[in-house]
N, C-alpha and C. Protein backbone atom coordinates (compact mmCIF):
# COMPACT_ATOMS: atom_id res chain seq x y z
N MET A 1 -49.49 56.47 50.85
CA MET A 1 -49.38 55.13 51.31
C MET A 1 -48.06 55.08 52.08
N ARG A 2 -47.12 55.87 51.83
CA ARG A 2 -45.70 55.85 52.51
C ARG A 2 -46.03 56.14 53.88
N ASP A 3 -46.90 56.99 54.43
CA ASP A 3 -47.19 57.17 55.66
C ASP A 3 -47.96 56.11 56.37
N LYS A 4 -48.71 55.25 55.65
CA LYS A 4 -49.29 54.08 56.19
C LYS A 4 -48.24 53.15 56.58
N SER A 5 -47.30 53.08 55.64
CA SER A 5 -46.16 52.08 55.83
C SER A 5 -45.43 52.37 56.97
N ARG A 6 -45.04 53.62 57.14
CA ARG A 6 -44.18 54.12 58.37
C ARG A 6 -44.92 54.06 59.69
N ILE A 7 -46.14 53.93 59.70
CA ILE A 7 -47.02 53.58 60.93
C ILE A 7 -46.80 52.09 61.21
N PHE A 8 -46.98 51.29 60.21
CA PHE A 8 -46.99 49.87 60.32
C PHE A 8 -45.47 49.49 60.76
N ILE A 9 -44.60 50.19 60.05
CA ILE A 9 -43.14 49.86 60.59
C ILE A 9 -42.91 50.11 61.93
N THR A 10 -43.31 51.31 62.51
CA THR A 10 -42.95 51.83 63.78
C THR A 10 -43.64 50.63 64.69
N SER A 11 -44.86 50.22 64.42
CA SER A 11 -45.60 49.20 65.26
C SER A 11 -44.80 48.05 65.33
N LEU A 12 -44.18 47.58 64.22
CA LEU A 12 -43.42 46.31 64.45
C LEU A 12 -42.13 46.41 65.00
N ILE A 13 -41.44 47.58 64.92
CA ILE A 13 -40.22 47.77 65.47
C ILE A 13 -40.31 47.85 66.97
N LEU A 14 -41.38 48.52 67.56
CA LEU A 14 -41.59 48.40 68.90
C LEU A 14 -41.94 47.23 69.50
N TYR A 15 -42.71 46.40 68.85
CA TYR A 15 -42.89 44.91 69.24
C TYR A 15 -41.70 44.04 69.31
N PHE A 16 -40.98 44.15 68.19
CA PHE A 16 -39.82 43.26 68.08
C PHE A 16 -38.77 43.54 69.22
N CYS A 17 -38.66 44.73 69.43
CA CYS A 17 -37.74 45.38 70.60
C CYS A 17 -38.09 45.17 71.95
N SER A 18 -39.24 44.74 72.27
CA SER A 18 -39.97 44.75 73.44
C SER A 18 -39.43 43.72 74.33
N SER A 19 -38.89 42.53 73.92
CA SER A 19 -38.34 41.56 74.75
C SER A 19 -37.59 40.50 74.07
N ILE A 20 -36.72 39.77 74.76
CA ILE A 20 -35.85 38.78 74.07
C ILE A 20 -35.95 37.43 75.21
N THR A 21 -36.00 36.41 74.58
CA THR A 21 -36.08 35.15 75.38
C THR A 21 -34.82 34.50 75.06
N MET A 22 -34.54 33.41 75.95
CA MET A 22 -33.15 32.64 76.01
C MET A 22 -33.64 31.30 75.36
N PRO A 23 -32.53 30.56 74.92
CA PRO A 23 -32.68 29.24 74.31
C PRO A 23 -33.28 28.30 75.11
N GLY A 24 -33.97 27.12 74.44
CA GLY A 24 -34.61 26.18 75.15
C GLY A 24 -35.22 25.12 74.23
N VAL A 25 -36.06 24.20 74.75
CA VAL A 25 -36.65 23.18 74.07
C VAL A 25 -38.26 23.18 74.28
N LEU A 26 -38.88 23.02 73.51
CA LEU A 26 -40.53 22.99 73.60
C LEU A 26 -40.91 21.46 73.58
N MET A 27 -41.76 21.18 74.48
CA MET A 27 -42.45 19.88 74.34
C MET A 27 -43.76 20.10 73.54
N ALA A 28 -44.06 18.82 72.65
CA ALA A 28 -45.17 19.04 71.75
C ALA A 28 -46.46 19.10 72.67
N PHE A 29 -47.56 19.54 71.96
CA PHE A 29 -48.83 19.65 72.78
C PHE A 29 -49.92 18.82 72.00
N ASN A 30 -50.96 18.43 72.83
CA ASN A 30 -52.08 17.69 72.19
C ASN A 30 -53.16 18.72 71.80
N GLU A 31 -53.53 18.63 70.72
CA GLU A 31 -54.46 19.84 70.00
C GLU A 31 -55.60 19.86 70.76
N GLY A 32 -56.21 18.71 71.41
CA GLY A 32 -57.52 18.72 72.30
C GLY A 32 -57.24 19.36 73.71
N ASP A 33 -56.17 19.75 73.98
CA ASP A 33 -55.69 20.35 75.33
C ASP A 33 -55.42 21.68 75.20
N LEU A 34 -56.41 22.59 74.77
CA LEU A 34 -56.22 24.12 74.59
C LEU A 34 -56.94 24.81 75.45
N ILE A 35 -56.54 26.03 75.75
CA ILE A 35 -57.04 27.23 76.51
C ILE A 35 -57.35 28.28 75.61
N VAL A 36 -58.51 29.00 75.88
CA VAL A 36 -58.90 29.93 74.84
C VAL A 36 -58.74 31.33 75.53
N PHE A 37 -58.00 32.32 74.95
CA PHE A 37 -57.90 33.61 75.30
C PHE A 37 -58.76 34.54 74.23
N ARG A 38 -59.62 35.30 74.86
CA ARG A 38 -60.53 36.19 73.99
C ARG A 38 -60.22 37.70 74.12
N ASP A 39 -59.87 38.48 73.28
CA ASP A 39 -59.83 39.86 73.38
C ASP A 39 -61.09 40.48 72.64
N ASN A 40 -62.05 40.96 73.31
CA ASN A 40 -63.37 41.57 72.63
C ASN A 40 -63.16 43.07 72.25
N GLU A 41 -62.08 43.65 72.72
CA GLU A 41 -61.78 44.87 72.25
C GLU A 41 -61.15 45.02 70.91
N THR A 42 -60.10 44.20 70.60
CA THR A 42 -59.48 44.07 69.37
C THR A 42 -60.04 43.00 68.40
N ARG A 43 -60.94 42.20 68.84
CA ARG A 43 -61.78 41.10 68.30
C ARG A 43 -60.93 40.00 67.63
N PHE A 44 -60.32 39.26 68.62
CA PHE A 44 -59.59 38.01 68.19
C PHE A 44 -59.70 36.97 69.30
N SER A 45 -59.61 35.91 69.06
CA SER A 45 -59.38 34.90 70.08
C SER A 45 -58.24 33.92 69.80
N PHE A 46 -57.49 33.39 70.72
CA PHE A 46 -56.26 32.60 70.56
C PHE A 46 -56.45 31.35 71.34
N HIS A 47 -56.44 30.37 70.61
CA HIS A 47 -56.43 29.08 71.22
C HIS A 47 -54.96 28.42 71.51
N TYR A 48 -54.63 28.24 72.65
CA TYR A 48 -53.14 27.88 72.82
C TYR A 48 -53.15 26.63 73.74
N PRO A 49 -51.87 25.92 73.68
CA PRO A 49 -51.85 24.88 74.40
C PRO A 49 -51.65 24.99 75.80
N LYS A 50 -52.19 24.06 76.69
CA LYS A 50 -52.15 24.30 78.21
C LYS A 50 -50.65 24.20 78.71
N THR A 51 -49.85 23.70 77.91
CA THR A 51 -48.37 23.63 78.16
C THR A 51 -47.69 24.99 78.09
N TRP A 52 -48.27 25.88 77.63
CA TRP A 52 -47.92 27.28 77.60
C TRP A 52 -48.64 28.04 78.69
N LYS A 53 -47.86 29.20 79.13
CA LYS A 53 -48.36 29.98 80.24
C LYS A 53 -48.47 31.57 79.75
N PRO A 54 -49.67 32.10 79.94
CA PRO A 54 -49.76 33.55 79.47
C PRO A 54 -48.71 34.27 80.48
N VAL A 55 -48.24 35.43 80.14
CA VAL A 55 -47.22 36.15 80.91
C VAL A 55 -47.66 37.65 80.63
N ALA A 56 -47.06 38.44 81.51
CA ALA A 56 -47.54 39.90 81.39
C ALA A 56 -46.88 40.50 80.17
N ALA A 57 -47.46 41.24 79.49
CA ALA A 57 -47.07 41.81 78.21
C ALA A 57 -45.87 43.02 78.38
N THR A 58 -44.99 43.03 77.59
CA THR A 58 -43.86 43.98 77.88
C THR A 58 -43.98 45.17 77.07
N TYR A 59 -45.03 45.33 76.11
CA TYR A 59 -45.38 46.52 75.34
C TYR A 59 -46.77 46.62 75.29
N LYS A 60 -47.11 47.83 75.21
CA LYS A 60 -48.57 48.31 75.48
C LYS A 60 -49.48 47.68 74.24
N ASP A 61 -49.08 47.47 73.10
CA ASP A 61 -49.92 46.98 72.03
C ASP A 61 -49.72 45.29 72.06
N THR A 62 -49.12 44.92 72.83
CA THR A 62 -49.05 43.33 72.99
C THR A 62 -50.29 42.91 73.78
N ARG A 63 -51.24 42.35 73.11
CA ARG A 63 -52.39 42.02 73.55
C ARG A 63 -52.56 40.53 74.31
N PHE A 64 -51.50 39.81 73.92
CA PHE A 64 -51.36 38.60 74.65
C PHE A 64 -50.13 38.02 74.34
N LYS A 65 -49.50 37.38 75.48
CA LYS A 65 -47.98 36.86 75.29
C LYS A 65 -48.09 35.46 76.20
N MET A 66 -47.37 34.61 75.68
CA MET A 66 -47.25 33.17 76.44
C MET A 66 -45.96 32.76 76.41
N VAL A 67 -45.47 32.06 77.19
CA VAL A 67 -44.15 31.38 77.23
C VAL A 67 -44.30 29.78 77.45
N SER A 68 -43.44 29.02 76.65
CA SER A 68 -43.53 27.55 76.59
C SER A 68 -43.25 26.98 78.13
N ARG A 69 -43.42 25.72 78.18
CA ARG A 69 -43.10 24.82 79.28
C ARG A 69 -43.68 25.49 80.48
N LYS A 70 -45.09 25.83 80.57
CA LYS A 70 -45.77 26.55 81.71
C LYS A 70 -45.10 27.70 82.17
N GLY A 71 -44.52 28.50 81.41
CA GLY A 71 -43.78 29.87 81.64
C GLY A 71 -42.34 29.79 81.93
N LYS A 72 -41.81 28.53 81.81
CA LYS A 72 -40.41 28.38 82.23
C LYS A 72 -39.49 27.99 81.05
N GLY A 73 -40.06 27.97 79.83
CA GLY A 73 -39.36 27.66 78.71
C GLY A 73 -38.80 28.99 78.05
N ALA A 74 -38.07 28.61 76.95
CA ALA A 74 -37.45 29.65 76.18
C ALA A 74 -38.18 30.34 75.15
N GLU A 75 -39.10 29.62 74.56
CA GLU A 75 -39.92 30.10 73.58
C GLU A 75 -41.11 30.85 74.14
N ASP A 76 -41.34 31.82 73.27
CA ASP A 76 -42.58 32.72 73.43
C ASP A 76 -43.37 32.98 72.24
N CYS A 77 -44.47 33.14 72.44
CA CYS A 77 -45.46 33.77 71.28
C CYS A 77 -46.23 34.93 71.65
N GLY A 78 -46.62 35.74 70.88
CA GLY A 78 -47.55 36.86 71.37
C GLY A 78 -48.42 37.50 70.20
N VAL A 79 -49.36 38.07 70.56
CA VAL A 79 -50.13 38.98 69.66
C VAL A 79 -50.10 40.18 69.95
N ASN A 80 -49.66 41.06 68.85
CA ASN A 80 -49.62 42.63 68.85
C ASN A 80 -50.69 43.07 67.99
N VAL A 81 -51.41 44.05 68.55
CA VAL A 81 -52.52 44.60 67.67
C VAL A 81 -52.27 46.12 67.84
N LYS A 82 -52.23 46.75 66.54
CA LYS A 82 -52.13 48.14 66.54
C LYS A 82 -53.35 48.71 65.68
N TYR A 83 -54.02 49.66 66.25
CA TYR A 83 -55.00 50.36 65.31
C TYR A 83 -54.59 51.72 64.77
N GLU A 84 -54.78 51.84 63.49
CA GLU A 84 -54.42 53.19 62.78
C GLU A 84 -55.55 53.30 61.77
N ASN A 85 -56.25 54.57 62.10
CA ASN A 85 -57.34 54.96 61.44
C ASN A 85 -57.00 55.16 59.96
N LYS A 86 -55.83 55.58 59.65
CA LYS A 86 -55.41 55.83 58.22
C LYS A 86 -55.35 54.51 57.31
N LEU A 87 -55.34 53.42 58.08
CA LEU A 87 -55.23 51.97 57.50
C LEU A 87 -56.58 51.29 57.31
N ILE A 88 -57.64 52.02 57.58
CA ILE A 88 -58.83 51.31 57.71
C ILE A 88 -59.47 50.84 56.35
N GLU A 89 -58.98 51.41 55.23
CA GLU A 89 -59.43 51.06 54.00
C GLU A 89 -58.63 49.95 53.22
N ILE A 90 -57.42 49.69 54.01
CA ILE A 90 -56.53 48.64 53.35
C ILE A 90 -56.94 47.31 53.47
N SER A 91 -57.01 46.64 52.46
CA SER A 91 -57.50 45.17 52.39
C SER A 91 -56.26 44.27 52.65
N PRO A 92 -56.70 43.11 53.17
CA PRO A 92 -55.58 42.08 53.41
C PRO A 92 -54.72 41.75 52.19
N SER A 93 -55.34 41.68 51.14
CA SER A 93 -54.62 41.38 49.86
C SER A 93 -53.65 42.51 49.60
N TYR A 94 -54.07 43.82 49.65
CA TYR A 94 -53.04 44.72 49.37
C TYR A 94 -52.12 44.86 50.41
N PHE A 95 -52.37 44.73 51.55
CA PHE A 95 -51.48 44.75 52.74
C PHE A 95 -50.40 43.78 52.59
N SER A 96 -50.76 42.35 52.07
CA SER A 96 -49.78 41.45 52.16
C SER A 96 -48.97 41.46 50.86
N LYS A 97 -49.41 42.12 49.79
CA LYS A 97 -48.69 42.27 48.64
C LYS A 97 -47.84 43.31 48.48
N ASN A 98 -48.18 44.64 49.18
CA ASN A 98 -47.66 45.90 49.14
C ASN A 98 -46.91 46.51 50.33
N VAL A 99 -47.86 46.56 51.42
CA VAL A 99 -47.24 47.18 52.63
C VAL A 99 -46.43 46.37 53.39
N ALA A 100 -46.82 45.09 53.79
CA ALA A 100 -45.96 44.11 54.56
C ALA A 100 -44.54 43.80 54.02
N PRO A 101 -44.30 43.57 52.65
CA PRO A 101 -42.94 43.21 52.36
C PRO A 101 -42.03 44.37 52.62
N GLN A 102 -42.55 45.60 52.20
CA GLN A 102 -41.50 46.69 52.30
C GLN A 102 -41.32 47.08 53.78
N ALA A 103 -42.33 46.87 54.55
CA ALA A 103 -42.47 47.26 56.06
C ALA A 103 -41.42 46.07 56.70
N SER A 104 -41.37 44.92 56.37
CA SER A 104 -40.57 44.02 56.98
C SER A 104 -39.20 44.34 56.56
N LYS A 105 -38.72 44.84 55.41
CA LYS A 105 -37.45 45.32 55.25
C LYS A 105 -36.88 46.49 56.03
N ALA A 106 -37.98 47.47 56.10
CA ALA A 106 -37.63 48.68 56.93
C ALA A 106 -37.45 48.35 58.42
N LEU A 107 -38.26 47.22 58.97
CA LEU A 107 -37.99 46.69 60.18
C LEU A 107 -36.68 46.17 60.46
N LEU A 108 -36.22 45.34 59.46
CA LEU A 108 -34.85 44.73 59.64
C LEU A 108 -33.97 45.80 59.55
N ASP A 109 -34.08 46.98 58.91
CA ASP A 109 -33.00 48.06 58.97
C ASP A 109 -32.92 48.67 60.49
N GLN A 110 -34.17 48.66 61.05
CA GLN A 110 -34.21 49.21 62.33
C GLN A 110 -33.60 48.13 63.43
N ILE A 111 -33.84 46.96 63.16
CA ILE A 111 -33.30 46.01 64.04
C ILE A 111 -31.79 45.87 63.89
N ARG A 112 -31.23 46.10 62.75
CA ARG A 112 -29.91 46.13 62.49
C ARG A 112 -29.08 47.31 63.24
N LEU A 113 -29.82 48.33 63.83
CA LEU A 113 -29.20 49.26 64.56
C LEU A 113 -28.72 48.71 65.84
N LYS A 114 -29.44 47.68 66.45
CA LYS A 114 -29.01 47.15 67.64
C LYS A 114 -28.35 45.74 67.39
N ALA A 115 -28.81 45.18 66.45
CA ALA A 115 -28.32 43.68 66.10
C ALA A 115 -27.65 43.70 64.62
N PRO A 116 -26.47 44.08 64.39
CA PRO A 116 -25.97 44.25 63.05
C PRO A 116 -26.23 43.09 62.24
N ASP A 117 -26.27 41.82 62.82
CA ASP A 117 -26.23 40.59 62.13
C ASP A 117 -27.59 40.21 61.61
N ALA A 118 -28.65 40.97 62.03
CA ALA A 118 -29.99 40.53 61.60
C ALA A 118 -30.23 40.45 60.27
N ARG A 119 -31.04 39.45 59.87
CA ARG A 119 -31.47 39.21 58.37
C ARG A 119 -32.74 38.40 58.25
N ILE A 120 -33.38 38.69 57.22
CA ILE A 120 -34.76 38.12 56.91
C ILE A 120 -34.17 36.68 56.20
N ILE A 121 -34.39 35.54 56.66
CA ILE A 121 -34.13 34.39 55.95
C ILE A 121 -35.20 33.71 55.25
N GLU A 122 -36.43 34.14 55.30
CA GLU A 122 -37.55 33.64 54.62
C GLU A 122 -38.81 34.67 54.67
N SER A 123 -39.42 34.84 53.73
CA SER A 123 -40.64 35.74 53.75
C SER A 123 -41.68 35.41 52.43
N GLY A 124 -42.84 35.85 52.60
CA GLY A 124 -43.83 35.65 51.57
C GLY A 124 -45.24 35.64 51.99
N PRO A 125 -46.11 35.58 51.03
CA PRO A 125 -47.44 35.45 51.32
C PRO A 125 -47.96 34.19 52.00
N THR A 126 -48.93 34.37 52.78
CA THR A 126 -49.50 33.23 53.56
C THR A 126 -50.80 33.52 53.78
N PHE A 127 -51.52 32.86 54.77
CA PHE A 127 -52.80 33.02 55.39
C PHE A 127 -52.95 32.91 56.98
N ILE A 128 -53.72 33.74 57.50
CA ILE A 128 -53.94 33.58 58.92
C ILE A 128 -55.42 33.82 59.22
N SER A 129 -56.00 33.02 59.80
CA SER A 129 -57.52 33.07 60.27
C SER A 129 -58.33 33.32 58.93
N ASN A 130 -57.85 32.46 57.82
CA ASN A 130 -58.51 32.41 56.59
C ASN A 130 -58.47 33.78 55.83
N ARG A 131 -57.54 34.63 56.28
CA ARG A 131 -57.18 35.95 55.48
C ARG A 131 -55.85 35.93 54.89
N GLU A 132 -55.79 36.75 53.82
CA GLU A 132 -54.35 36.89 53.17
C GLU A 132 -53.51 37.61 54.35
N ALA A 133 -52.29 37.11 54.36
CA ALA A 133 -51.27 37.78 55.27
C ALA A 133 -49.94 37.65 54.69
N TYR A 134 -48.84 38.05 55.49
CA TYR A 134 -47.48 38.06 55.17
C TYR A 134 -46.72 37.42 56.25
N TYR A 135 -45.72 36.67 55.91
CA TYR A 135 -44.86 35.98 57.05
C TYR A 135 -43.40 36.20 56.68
N TYR A 136 -42.64 36.30 57.84
CA TYR A 136 -41.21 36.46 57.49
C TYR A 136 -40.56 35.86 58.72
N VAL A 137 -39.25 35.42 58.59
CA VAL A 137 -38.43 34.82 59.75
C VAL A 137 -37.17 35.83 59.78
N ILE A 138 -36.92 36.45 60.93
CA ILE A 138 -35.93 37.21 61.04
C ILE A 138 -34.97 36.55 62.25
N VAL A 139 -33.59 36.46 61.75
CA VAL A 139 -32.79 36.01 62.75
C VAL A 139 -31.60 37.12 63.27
N ASN A 140 -31.29 37.06 64.34
CA ASN A 140 -30.48 38.08 64.80
C ASN A 140 -29.64 37.50 66.32
N SER A 141 -28.69 38.28 66.66
CA SER A 141 -28.12 37.96 67.93
C SER A 141 -28.25 39.03 68.86
N PHE A 142 -28.44 38.64 70.02
CA PHE A 142 -28.67 39.62 71.34
C PHE A 142 -27.53 39.34 72.35
N LYS A 143 -26.72 40.35 72.51
CA LYS A 143 -25.57 40.22 73.38
C LYS A 143 -25.84 41.03 74.65
N THR A 144 -25.51 40.31 75.72
CA THR A 144 -25.63 40.94 77.03
C THR A 144 -24.45 40.46 78.03
N ILE A 145 -23.78 41.23 78.60
CA ILE A 145 -22.67 41.01 79.53
C ILE A 145 -21.56 39.99 78.88
N ASP A 146 -21.60 38.77 79.06
CA ASP A 146 -20.68 37.85 78.47
C ASP A 146 -21.47 36.65 77.84
N TYR A 147 -22.86 37.00 77.44
CA TYR A 147 -23.49 35.91 76.68
C TYR A 147 -24.14 36.47 75.49
N GLU A 148 -24.27 35.62 74.57
CA GLU A 148 -24.95 35.92 73.23
C GLU A 148 -25.98 34.91 72.99
N ALA A 149 -27.19 35.46 72.71
CA ALA A 149 -28.40 34.64 72.40
C ALA A 149 -28.54 34.79 70.85
N LYS A 150 -28.81 33.72 70.28
CA LYS A 150 -28.97 33.76 68.69
C LYS A 150 -30.53 33.43 68.65
N ILE A 151 -31.16 34.45 68.14
CA ILE A 151 -32.61 34.41 68.12
C ILE A 151 -33.14 34.08 66.73
N ALA A 152 -34.28 33.58 66.70
CA ALA A 152 -35.41 33.31 65.44
C ALA A 152 -36.56 33.90 65.69
N ASN A 153 -37.19 34.59 65.01
CA ASN A 153 -38.57 35.06 65.10
C ASN A 153 -39.33 34.80 63.88
N TYR A 154 -40.44 34.21 64.09
CA TYR A 154 -41.37 33.87 62.88
C TYR A 154 -42.51 34.63 63.16
N SER A 155 -42.91 35.47 62.09
CA SER A 155 -44.14 36.32 62.41
C SER A 155 -45.17 36.32 61.20
N VAL A 156 -46.31 36.38 61.50
CA VAL A 156 -47.42 36.52 60.50
C VAL A 156 -48.12 37.78 60.69
N GLN A 157 -48.46 38.40 59.79
CA GLN A 157 -49.21 39.62 59.92
C GLN A 157 -50.35 39.79 58.94
N THR A 158 -51.52 40.37 59.32
CA THR A 158 -52.61 40.71 58.52
C THR A 158 -53.26 42.00 59.03
N ILE A 159 -54.24 42.32 58.34
CA ILE A 159 -54.91 43.59 58.67
C ILE A 159 -56.49 43.39 58.57
N LYS A 160 -57.21 44.07 59.38
CA LYS A 160 -58.70 44.16 59.42
C LYS A 160 -59.25 45.31 60.02
N ASN A 161 -60.04 46.11 59.24
CA ASN A 161 -60.60 47.38 59.82
C ASN A 161 -59.75 48.32 60.46
N GLY A 162 -58.62 48.52 59.90
CA GLY A 162 -57.53 49.32 60.49
C GLY A 162 -56.64 48.67 61.57
N TYR A 163 -56.96 47.58 62.03
CA TYR A 163 -56.12 46.87 63.05
C TYR A 163 -55.09 46.11 62.22
N ILE A 164 -53.82 46.20 62.57
CA ILE A 164 -52.72 45.32 62.15
C ILE A 164 -52.40 44.37 63.28
N TYR A 165 -52.68 43.08 62.87
CA TYR A 165 -52.37 41.90 63.74
C TYR A 165 -51.12 41.29 63.43
N THR A 166 -50.19 41.31 64.44
CA THR A 166 -48.93 40.57 64.25
C THR A 166 -48.80 39.45 65.22
N ILE A 167 -48.80 38.13 64.77
CA ILE A 167 -48.52 37.08 65.59
C ILE A 167 -47.12 36.47 65.45
N SER A 168 -46.49 36.44 66.60
CA SER A 168 -45.01 36.32 66.46
C SER A 168 -44.63 35.17 67.44
N CYS A 169 -43.72 34.25 67.05
CA CYS A 169 -43.12 33.40 67.94
C CYS A 169 -41.55 33.42 67.75
N ARG A 170 -40.81 33.31 69.07
CA ARG A 170 -39.56 33.31 69.00
C ARG A 170 -38.82 32.12 69.74
N CYS A 171 -37.48 31.74 69.14
CA CYS A 171 -36.87 30.67 69.80
C CYS A 171 -35.44 30.96 69.45
N ASN A 172 -34.62 30.04 70.12
CA ASN A 172 -33.31 29.88 69.86
C ASN A 172 -33.03 29.64 68.30
N ARG A 173 -32.21 30.28 67.67
CA ARG A 173 -32.05 30.04 66.27
C ARG A 173 -31.54 28.58 66.01
N GLU A 174 -30.89 27.92 66.75
CA GLU A 174 -30.59 26.53 66.55
C GLU A 174 -31.74 25.62 66.49
N THR A 175 -32.85 26.15 67.23
CA THR A 175 -34.03 25.22 67.19
C THR A 175 -35.04 25.51 66.38
N LEU A 176 -34.90 26.53 65.36
CA LEU A 176 -36.10 27.19 64.56
C LEU A 176 -36.64 25.90 63.64
N ASN A 177 -35.87 25.00 63.11
CA ASN A 177 -36.47 24.16 62.29
C ASN A 177 -37.26 23.09 63.01
N GLU A 178 -36.86 22.81 64.19
CA GLU A 178 -37.61 22.08 65.00
C GLU A 178 -38.81 22.58 65.62
N MET A 179 -38.82 23.92 65.95
CA MET A 179 -39.99 24.64 66.47
C MET A 179 -40.90 25.16 65.40
N LEU A 180 -40.43 25.44 64.13
CA LEU A 180 -41.34 26.04 63.11
C LEU A 180 -42.73 25.12 62.96
N PRO A 181 -42.64 23.86 63.02
CA PRO A 181 -43.97 23.18 62.83
C PRO A 181 -44.97 23.41 64.12
N GLU A 182 -44.20 23.65 65.20
CA GLU A 182 -45.19 23.96 66.63
C GLU A 182 -45.60 25.30 66.46
N PHE A 183 -44.85 26.32 66.03
CA PHE A 183 -45.26 27.59 65.84
C PHE A 183 -46.40 27.77 64.76
N LYS A 184 -46.17 27.10 63.78
CA LYS A 184 -47.38 27.09 62.83
C LYS A 184 -48.63 26.68 63.27
N LYS A 185 -48.48 25.37 64.06
CA LYS A 185 -49.58 24.89 64.52
C LYS A 185 -50.31 25.70 65.75
N ILE A 186 -49.40 26.48 66.70
CA ILE A 186 -49.93 27.43 67.61
C ILE A 186 -50.68 28.54 66.74
N MET A 187 -50.06 28.99 65.67
CA MET A 187 -50.72 30.22 65.07
C MET A 187 -52.08 29.68 64.41
N THR A 188 -52.42 28.51 64.17
CA THR A 188 -53.75 28.14 63.55
C THR A 188 -54.72 28.40 64.68
N GLY A 189 -54.35 28.58 65.85
CA GLY A 189 -55.48 28.98 66.93
C GLY A 189 -55.67 30.42 67.08
N PHE A 190 -55.05 31.25 66.07
CA PHE A 190 -55.45 32.66 66.17
C PHE A 190 -56.66 32.80 65.28
N ILE A 191 -57.78 33.39 65.82
CA ILE A 191 -58.94 33.49 65.10
C ILE A 191 -59.47 35.10 65.17
N LEU A 192 -59.66 35.71 63.96
CA LEU A 192 -60.22 36.95 64.08
C LEU A 192 -61.85 36.68 64.18
N THR A 193 -62.50 37.56 65.01
CA THR A 193 -63.83 37.53 65.32
C THR A 193 -64.48 38.84 64.71
N ASP A 194 -65.81 38.78 64.60
CA ASP A 194 -66.56 39.96 64.13
C ASP A 194 -66.96 40.71 65.25
């Protein structure tokens, strides 16, 4: 099981280190005003608000990424999918209770190598696409030249048939409480297909 956790941890680390967004404010969206993205290869669909715009992925396992305010906002959400044959027998229940909690802590240790102030402020079991999952919120700072962005990342993860699905939304740390209901609403648009 330790090897399976390492594979999962590596996938998460690469996803989180792939890009950073800058602070901003998101406008609310109308649930009836959605666009559907379908990924037939990794078997999911994602219903997202028209006020968000798809953008190029920054990491090869990022299957879908979008940015708020028609691509000009500071918030982003994405779906990262990694297949590992060694994980094909892992159930969502086992994953959310045993693999994901320890993997999120190991991920935090890796993030701290570049962002020493990183910490998990909340985590626990949840559901996504009617499957058991695990969520966590990581906050950290990203410094560049003379600017420091304080980032919050809300992520939900589950597994199906060896595919690890990570749905993640990022924003300015100061707007996390405001954004969290919107992020959760957006994540209800993630649907695993058969």
